[in-house]
Amino acid sequence: MISYDVFWETLKRKNVSQYSLIEKHNVSAGLLSSMRRGDFLTLRKIIDLCEILDCDIQDIVTYIPDEK
Protein backbone atom coordinates (compact mmCIF):
# COMPACT_ATOMS: atom_id res chain seq x y z
CA MET A 1 0.00 0.00 0.00
CA ILE A 2 1.13 3.54 -0.73
CA SER A 3 0.51 6.39 1.70
CA TYR A 4 0.86 10.09 1.01
CA ASP A 5 0.25 11.13 4.64
CA VAL A 6 3.85 12.29 4.90
CA PHE A 7 3.26 14.59 1.89
CA TRP A 8 0.59 16.56 3.75
CA GLU A 9 2.94 16.82 6.74
CA THR A 10 5.72 18.05 4.43
CA LEU A 11 3.43 20.76 3.04
CA LYS A 12 2.71 21.97 6.58
CA ARG A 13 6.37 21.81 7.61
CA LYS A 14 7.44 23.79 4.53
CA ASN A 15 4.49 26.17 4.89
CA VAL A 16 3.27 25.48 1.34
CA SER A 17 -0.46 25.54 0.64
CA GLN A 18 -2.35 23.42 -1.84
CA TYR A 19 -3.43 26.68 -3.45
CA SER A 20 0.22 27.61 -3.97
CA LEU A 21 0.96 24.24 -5.56
CA ILE A 22 -1.94 24.71 -7.97
CA GLU A 23 -1.52 28.40 -8.80
CA LYS A 24 2.25 28.94 -8.63
CA HIS A 25 3.59 25.52 -9.56
CA ASN A 26 0.90 24.27 -11.96
CA VAL A 27 0.17 21.13 -9.94
CA SER A 28 -3.28 19.93 -10.94
CA ALA A 29 -6.08 19.78 -8.40
CA GLY A 30 -6.74 16.30 -9.82
CA LEU A 31 -3.27 15.17 -8.75
CA LEU A 32 -3.90 16.34 -5.20
CA SER A 33 -7.28 14.58 -5.22
CA SER A 34 -5.61 11.39 -6.41
CA MET A 35 -3.14 11.65 -3.56
CA ARG A 36 -5.97 12.10 -1.05
CA ARG A 37 -7.54 8.89 -2.37
CA GLY A 38 -4.22 7.06 -2.19
CA ASP A 39 -4.07 6.44 -5.95
CA PHE A 40 -0.77 5.55 -7.58
CA LEU A 41 1.26 8.38 -9.13
CA THR A 42 3.91 8.19 -11.79
CA LEU A 43 7.47 8.53 -10.61
CA ARG A 44 7.69 11.68 -12.75
CA LYS A 45 4.91 13.33 -10.70
CA ILE A 46 6.63 12.37 -7.45
CA ILE A 47 9.93 13.79 -8.72
CA ASP A 48 8.16 17.00 -9.75
CA LEU A 49 6.77 17.37 -6.24
CA CYS A 50 10.22 16.70 -4.76
CA GLU A 51 11.69 19.45 -6.92
CA ILE A 52 8.93 21.92 -6.04
CA LEU A 53 9.22 21.22 -2.31
CA ASP A 54 12.99 20.70 -2.32
CA CYS A 55 12.62 17.40 -0.48
CA ASP A 56 13.28 13.67 -0.78
CA ILE A 57 10.91 10.99 -2.01
CA GLN A 58 10.41 9.85 1.60
CA ASP A 59 8.86 13.27 2.25
CA ILE A 60 6.20 12.54 -0.39
CA VAL A 61 5.33 8.87 -0.24
CA THR A 62 5.61 5.94 2.17
CA TYR A 63 5.35 2.27 1.32
CA ILE A 64 3.38 0.22 3.82
CA PRO A 65 3.63 -3.54 3.27
CA ASP A 66 0.40 -5.52 3.29
CA GLU A 67 -0.06 -7.62 6.39
CA LYS A 68 -0.29 -11.28 5.51
PDB file of N, CA and C in Angstrom:
ATOM      1  N   MET A   1       0.838  -1.174   0.000  1.00  0.00           N
ATOM      2  CA  MET A   1       0.000   0.000   0.000  1.00  0.00           C
ATOM      3  C   MET A   1       0.889   1.246   0.000  1.00  0.00           C
ATOM      4  N   ILE A   2       0.429   2.267  -0.650  1.00  0.00           N
ATOM      5  CA  ILE A   2       1.134   3.542  -0.727  1.00  0.00           C
ATOM      6  C   ILE A   2       0.377   4.566   0.115  1.00  0.00           C
ATOM      7  N   SER A   3       1.114   5.339   0.886  1.00  0.00           N
ATOM      8  CA  SER A   3       0.507   6.392   1.701  1.00  0.00           C
ATOM      9  C   SER A   3       1.182   7.723   1.375  1.00  0.00           C
ATOM     10  N   TYR A   4       0.353   8.738   1.245  1.00  0.00           N
ATOM     11  CA  TYR A   4       0.859  10.091   1.010  1.00  0.00           C
ATOM     12  C   TYR A   4       0.699  10.966   2.256  1.00  0.00           C
ATOM     13  N   ASP A   5       0.433  10.357   3.412  1.00  0.00           N
ATOM     14  CA  ASP A   5       0.247  11.127   4.645  1.00  0.00           C
ATOM     15  C   ASP A   5       1.448  12.030   4.920  1.00  0.00           C
ATOM     16  N   VAL A   6       2.630  11.507   4.657  1.00  0.00           N
ATOM     17  CA  VAL A   6       3.850  12.291   4.899  1.00  0.00           C
ATOM     18  C   VAL A   6       3.912  13.526   3.980  1.00  0.00           C
ATOM     19  N   PHE A   7       3.310  13.445   2.806  1.00  0.00           N
ATOM     20  CA  PHE A   7       3.262  14.593   1.886  1.00  0.00           C
ATOM     21  C   PHE A   7       2.533  15.767   2.523  1.00  0.00           C
ATOM     22  N   TRP A   8       1.385  15.487   3.137  1.00  0.00           N
ATOM     23  CA  TRP A   8       0.591  16.557   3.751  1.00  0.00           C
ATOM     24  C   TRP A   8       1.357  17.160   4.927  1.00  0.00           C
ATOM     25  N   GLU A   9       2.097  16.333   5.646  1.00  0.00           N
ATOM     26  CA  GLU A   9       2.940  16.821   6.737  1.00  0.00           C
ATOM     27  C   GLU A   9       4.080  17.689   6.194  1.00  0.00           C
ATOM     28  N   THR A  10       4.638  17.280   5.061  1.00  0.00           N
ATOM     29  CA  THR A  10       5.716  18.049   4.431  1.00  0.00           C
ATOM     30  C   THR A  10       5.206  19.420   3.995  1.00  0.00           C
ATOM     31  N   LEU A  11       4.007  19.461   3.430  1.00  0.00           N
ATOM     32  CA  LEU A  11       3.427  20.758   3.045  1.00  0.00           C
ATOM     33  C   LEU A  11       3.334  21.676   4.254  1.00  0.00           C
ATOM     34  N   LYS A  12       2.834  21.158   5.370  1.00  0.00           N
ATOM     35  CA  LYS A  12       2.708  21.968   6.584  1.00  0.00           C
ATOM     36  C   LYS A  12       4.076  22.427   7.075  1.00  0.00           C
ATOM     37  N   ARG A  13       5.028  21.487   7.114  1.00  0.00           N
ATOM     38  CA  ARG A  13       6.370  21.808   7.610  1.00  0.00           C
ATOM     39  C   ARG A  13       7.039  22.884   6.753  1.00  0.00           C
ATOM     40  N   LYS A  14       6.814  22.829   5.447  1.00  0.00           N
ATOM     41  CA  LYS A  14       7.438  23.787   4.529  1.00  0.00           C
ATOM     42  C   LYS A  14       6.575  25.028   4.323  1.00  0.00           C
ATOM     43  N   ASN A  15       5.409  25.038   4.986  1.00  0.00           N
ATOM     44  CA  ASN A  15       4.489  26.171   4.892  1.00  0.00           C
ATOM     45  C   ASN A  15       4.079  26.444   3.438  1.00  0.00           C
ATOM     46  N   VAL A  16       3.714  25.382   2.735  1.00  0.00           N
ATOM     47  CA  VAL A  16       3.268  25.477   1.342  1.00  0.00           C
ATOM     48  C   VAL A  16       1.811  25.041   1.297  1.00  0.00           C
ATOM     49  N   SER A  17       0.966  25.868   0.716  1.00  0.00           N
ATOM     50  CA  SER A  17      -0.457  25.543   0.645  1.00  0.00           C
ATOM     51  C   SER A  17      -0.765  24.775  -0.651  1.00  0.00           C
ATOM     52  N   GLN A  18      -1.879  24.095  -0.619  1.00  0.00           N
ATOM     53  CA  GLN A  18      -2.347  23.422  -1.837  1.00  0.00           C
ATOM     54  C   GLN A  18      -2.632  24.460  -2.922  1.00  0.00           C
ATOM     55  N   TYR A  19      -3.159  25.594  -2.511  1.00  0.00           N
ATOM     56  CA  TYR A  19      -3.427  26.681  -3.453  1.00  0.00           C
ATOM     57  C   TYR A  19      -2.141  27.102  -4.164  1.00  0.00           C
ATOM     58  N   SER A  20      -1.072  27.225  -3.400  1.00  0.00           N
ATOM     59  CA  SER A  20       0.215  27.610  -3.971  1.00  0.00           C
ATOM     60  C   SER A  20       0.703  26.562  -4.970  1.00  0.00           C
ATOM     61  N   LEU A  21       0.549  25.295  -4.627  1.00  0.00           N
ATOM     62  CA  LEU A  21       0.956  24.238  -5.561  1.00  0.00           C
ATOM     63  C   LEU A  21       0.201  24.359  -6.880  1.00  0.00           C
ATOM     64  N   ILE A  22      -1.094  24.626  -6.774  1.00  0.00           N
ATOM     65  CA  ILE A  22      -1.941  24.708  -7.969  1.00  0.00           C
ATOM     66  C   ILE A  22      -1.649  25.976  -8.769  1.00  0.00           C
ATOM     67  N   GLU A  23      -1.640  27.115  -8.099  1.00  0.00           N
ATOM     68  CA  GLU A  23      -1.518  28.397  -8.797  1.00  0.00           C
ATOM     69  C   GLU A  23      -0.091  28.761  -9.209  1.00  0.00           C
ATOM     70  N   LYS A  24       0.882  28.516  -8.340  1.00  0.00           N
ATOM     71  CA  LYS A  24       2.253  28.944  -8.626  1.00  0.00           C
ATOM     72  C   LYS A  24       3.089  27.865  -9.303  1.00  0.00           C
ATOM     73  N   HIS A  25       2.756  26.610  -9.054  1.00  0.00           N
ATOM     74  CA  HIS A  25       3.595  25.522  -9.555  1.00  0.00           C
ATOM     75  C   HIS A  25       2.885  24.627 -10.564  1.00  0.00           C
ATOM     76  N   ASN A  26       1.663  25.000 -10.938  1.00  0.00           N
ATOM     77  CA  ASN A  26       0.902  24.272 -11.961  1.00  0.00           C
ATOM     78  C   ASN A  26       0.680  22.798 -11.634  1.00  0.00           C
ATOM     79  N   VAL A  27       0.551  22.485 -10.349  1.00  0.00           N
ATOM     80  CA  VAL A  27       0.172  21.133  -9.938  1.00  0.00           C
ATOM     81  C   VAL A  27      -1.341  21.060 -10.088  1.00  0.00           C
ATOM     82  N   SER A  28      -1.841  20.014 -10.702  1.00  0.00           N
ATOM     83  CA  SER A  28      -3.281  19.932 -10.940  1.00  0.00           C
ATOM     84  C   SER A  28      -4.024  19.568  -9.662  1.00  0.00           C
ATOM     85  N   ALA A  29      -5.216  20.116  -9.540  1.00  0.00           N
ATOM     86  CA  ALA A  29      -6.077  19.778  -8.404  1.00  0.00           C
ATOM     87  C   ALA A  29      -6.404  18.292  -8.449  1.00  0.00           C
ATOM     88  N   GLY A  30      -6.480  17.727  -9.656  1.00  0.00           N
ATOM     89  CA  GLY A  30      -6.742  16.301  -9.816  1.00  0.00           C
ATOM     90  C   GLY A  30      -5.637  15.440  -9.216  1.00  0.00           C
ATOM     91  N   LEU A  31      -4.390  15.895  -9.339  1.00  0.00           N
ATOM     92  CA  LEU A  31      -3.271  15.167  -8.750  1.00  0.00           C
ATOM     93  C   LEU A  31      -3.398  15.142  -7.230  1.00  0.00           C
ATOM     94  N   LEU A  32      -3.731  16.277  -6.649  1.00  0.00           N
ATOM     95  CA  LEU A  32      -3.900  16.338  -5.197  1.00  0.00           C
ATOM     96  C   LEU A  32      -5.072  15.475  -4.746  1.00  0.00           C
ATOM     97  N   SER A  33      -6.139  15.452  -5.534  1.00  0.00           N
ATOM     98  CA  SER A  33      -7.277  14.581  -5.222  1.00  0.00           C
ATOM     99  C   SER A  33      -6.875  13.110  -5.287  1.00  0.00           C
ATOM    100  N   SER A  34      -6.097  12.764  -6.293  1.00  0.00           N
ATOM    101  CA  SER A  34      -5.610  11.386  -6.414  1.00  0.00           C
ATOM    102  C   SER A  34      -4.778  10.994  -5.205  1.00  0.00           C
ATOM    103  N   MET A  35      -3.965  11.921  -4.726  1.00  0.00           N
ATOM    104  CA  MET A  35      -3.141  11.646  -3.556  1.00  0.00           C
ATOM    105  C   MET A  35      -4.002  11.463  -2.312  1.00  0.00           C
ATOM    106  N   ARG A  36      -5.064  12.249  -2.193  1.00  0.00           N
ATOM    107  CA  ARG A  36      -5.970  12.100  -1.050  1.00  0.00           C
ATOM    108  C   ARG A  36      -6.633  10.722  -1.055  1.00  0.00           C
ATOM    109  N   ARG A  37      -6.920  10.216  -2.242  1.00  0.00           N
ATOM    110  CA  ARG A  37      -7.544   8.888  -2.372  1.00  0.00           C
ATOM    111  C   ARG A  37      -6.532   7.760  -2.238  1.00  0.00           C
ATOM    112  N   GLY A  38      -5.247   8.088  -2.282  1.00  0.00           N
ATOM    113  CA  GLY A  38      -4.216   7.063  -2.192  1.00  0.00           C
ATOM    114  C   GLY A  38      -3.951   6.355  -3.507  1.00  0.00           C
ATOM    115  N   ASP A  39      -4.319   7.010  -4.617  1.00  0.00           N
ATOM    116  CA  ASP A  39      -4.074   6.437  -5.945  1.00  0.00           C
ATOM    117  C   ASP A  39      -2.573   6.440  -6.243  1.00  0.00           C
ATOM    118  N   PHE A  40      -2.176   5.600  -7.176  1.00  0.00           N
ATOM    119  CA  PHE A  40      -0.775   5.554  -7.584  1.00  0.00           C
ATOM    120  C   PHE A  40      -0.452   6.757  -8.471  1.00  0.00           C
ATOM    121  N   LEU A  41       0.752   7.289  -8.295  1.00  0.00           N
ATOM    122  CA  LEU A  41       1.255   8.378  -9.128  1.00  0.00           C
ATOM    123  C   LEU A  41       2.437   7.869  -9.931  1.00  0.00           C
ATOM    124  N   THR A  42       2.705   8.527 -11.039  1.00  0.00           N
ATOM    125  CA  THR A  42       3.910   8.187 -11.789  1.00  0.00           C
ATOM    126  C   THR A  42       5.117   8.708 -11.018  1.00  0.00           C
ATOM    127  N   LEU A  43       6.237   8.079 -11.245  1.00  0.00           N
ATOM    128  CA  LEU A  43       7.472   8.527 -10.609  1.00  0.00           C
ATOM    129  C   LEU A  43       7.788   9.958 -11.041  1.00  0.00           C
ATOM    130  N   ARG A  44       7.459  10.311 -12.259  1.00  0.00           N
ATOM    131  CA  ARG A  44       7.688  11.681 -12.754  1.00  0.00           C
ATOM    132  C   ARG A  44       6.951  12.707 -11.894  1.00  0.00           C
ATOM    133  N   LYS A  45       5.698  12.418 -11.538  1.00  0.00           N
ATOM    134  CA  LYS A  45       4.913  13.334 -10.703  1.00  0.00           C
ATOM    135  C   LYS A  45       5.534  13.462  -9.310  1.00  0.00           C
ATOM    136  N   ILE A  46       5.998  12.344  -8.765  1.00  0.00           N
ATOM    137  CA  ILE A  46       6.633  12.372  -7.450  1.00  0.00           C
ATOM    138  C   ILE A  46       7.917  13.193  -7.501  1.00  0.00           C
ATOM    139  N   ILE A  47       8.697  13.008  -8.549  1.00  0.00           N
ATOM    140  CA  ILE A  47       9.932  13.785  -8.715  1.00  0.00           C
ATOM    141  C   ILE A  47       9.606  15.274  -8.851  1.00  0.00           C
ATOM    142  N   ASP A  48       8.567  15.595  -9.614  1.00  0.00           N
ATOM    143  CA  ASP A  48       8.162  17.003  -9.752  1.00  0.00           C
ATOM    144  C   ASP A  48       7.836  17.612  -8.390  1.00  0.00           C
ATOM    145  N   LEU A  49       7.106  16.877  -7.572  1.00  0.00           N
ATOM    146  CA  LEU A  49       6.767  17.369  -6.237  1.00  0.00           C
ATOM    147  C   LEU A  49       8.018  17.534  -5.380  1.00  0.00           C
ATOM    148  N   CYS A  50       8.948  16.589  -5.497  1.00  0.00           N
ATOM    149  CA  CYS A  50      10.215  16.698  -4.759  1.00  0.00           C
ATOM    150  C   CYS A  50      10.973  17.962  -5.164  1.00  0.00           C
ATOM    151  N   GLU A  51      10.992  18.258  -6.444  1.00  0.00           N
ATOM    152  CA  GLU A  51      11.686  19.453  -6.923  1.00  0.00           C
ATOM    153  C   GLU A  51      10.997  20.723  -6.438  1.00  0.00           C
ATOM    154  N   ILE A  52       9.682  20.749  -6.488  1.00  0.00           N
ATOM    155  CA  ILE A  52       8.927  21.921  -6.040  1.00  0.00           C
ATOM    156  C   ILE A  52       9.167  22.165  -4.552  1.00  0.00           C
ATOM    157  N   LEU A  53       9.123  21.092  -3.773  1.00  0.00           N
ATOM    158  CA  LEU A  53       9.222  21.218  -2.311  1.00  0.00           C
ATOM    159  C   LEU A  53      10.649  21.106  -1.797  1.00  0.00           C
ATOM    160  N   ASP A  54      11.587  20.866  -2.703  1.00  0.00           N
ATOM    161  CA  ASP A  54      12.989  20.696  -2.318  1.00  0.00           C
ATOM    162  C   ASP A  54      13.102  19.667  -1.185  1.00  0.00           C
ATOM    163  N   CYS A  55      12.638  18.454  -1.493  1.00  0.00           N
ATOM    164  CA  CYS A  55      12.616  17.400  -0.485  1.00  0.00           C
ATOM    165  C   CYS A  55      12.953  16.060  -1.125  1.00  0.00           C
ATOM    166  N   ASP A  56      13.013  15.030  -0.309  1.00  0.00           N
ATOM    167  CA  ASP A  56      13.282  13.672  -0.780  1.00  0.00           C
ATOM    168  C   ASP A  56      11.978  12.920  -1.012  1.00  0.00           C
ATOM    169  N   ILE A  57      12.082  11.811  -1.726  1.00  0.00           N
ATOM    170  CA  ILE A  57      10.906  10.989  -2.013  1.00  0.00           C
ATOM    171  C   ILE A  57      10.212  10.557  -0.722  1.00  0.00           C
ATOM    172  N   GLN A  58      10.990  10.275   0.328  1.00  0.00           N
ATOM    173  CA  GLN A  58      10.410   9.851   1.600  1.00  0.00           C
ATOM    174  C   GLN A  58       9.526  10.935   2.214  1.00  0.00           C
ATOM    175  N   ASP A  59       9.685  12.170   1.761  1.00  0.00           N
ATOM    176  CA  ASP A  59       8.856  13.268   2.246  1.00  0.00           C
ATOM    177  C   ASP A  59       7.548  13.384   1.458  1.00  0.00           C
ATOM    178  N   ILE A  60       7.385  12.526   0.455  1.00  0.00           N
ATOM    179  CA  ILE A  60       6.197  12.541  -0.387  1.00  0.00           C
ATOM    180  C   ILE A  60       5.360  11.275  -0.209  1.00  0.00           C
ATOM    181  N   VAL A  61       6.046  10.143  -0.211  1.00  0.00           N
ATOM    182  CA  VAL A  61       5.332   8.866  -0.237  1.00  0.00           C
ATOM    183  C   VAL A  61       5.977   7.865   0.728  1.00  0.00           C
ATOM    184  N   THR A  62       5.145   7.011   1.294  1.00  0.00           N
ATOM    185  CA  THR A  62       5.607   5.943   2.168  1.00  0.00           C
ATOM    186  C   THR A  62       5.005   4.631   1.671  1.00  0.00           C
ATOM    187  N   TYR A  63       5.836   3.604   1.652  1.00  0.00           N
ATOM    188  CA  TYR A  63       5.353   2.267   1.321  1.00  0.00           C
ATOM    189  C   TYR A  63       5.013   1.534   2.599  1.00  0.00           C
ATOM    190  N   ILE A  64       3.816   1.002   2.659  1.00  0.00           N
ATOM    191  CA  ILE A  64       3.376   0.222   3.819  1.00  0.00           C
ATOM    192  C   ILE A  64       3.067  -1.188   3.328  1.00  0.00           C
ATOM    193  N   PRO A  65       3.869  -2.171   3.730  1.00  0.00           N
ATOM    194  CA  PRO A  65       3.630  -3.540   3.273  1.00  0.00           C
ATOM    195  C   PRO A  65       2.277  -4.062   3.745  1.00  0.00           C
ATOM    196  N   ASP A  66       1.645  -4.872   2.910  1.00  0.00           N
ATOM    197  CA  ASP A  66       0.400  -5.521   3.294  1.00  0.00           C
ATOM    198  C   ASP A  66       0.675  -6.539   4.391  1.00  0.00           C
ATOM    199  N   GLU A  67      -0.205  -6.586   5.358  1.00  0.00           N
ATOM    200  CA  GLU A  67      -0.058  -7.616   6.390  1.00  0.00           C
ATOM    201  C   GLU A  67      -0.618  -8.909   5.842  1.00  0.00           C
ATOM    202  N   LYS A  68       0.144  -9.987   6.045  1.00  0.00           N
ATOM    203  CA  LYS A  68      -0.289 -11.281   5.514  1.00  0.00           C
ATOM    204  C   LYS A  68      -0.610 -12.223   6.626  1.00  0.00           C
TER     205      LYS A  68
END
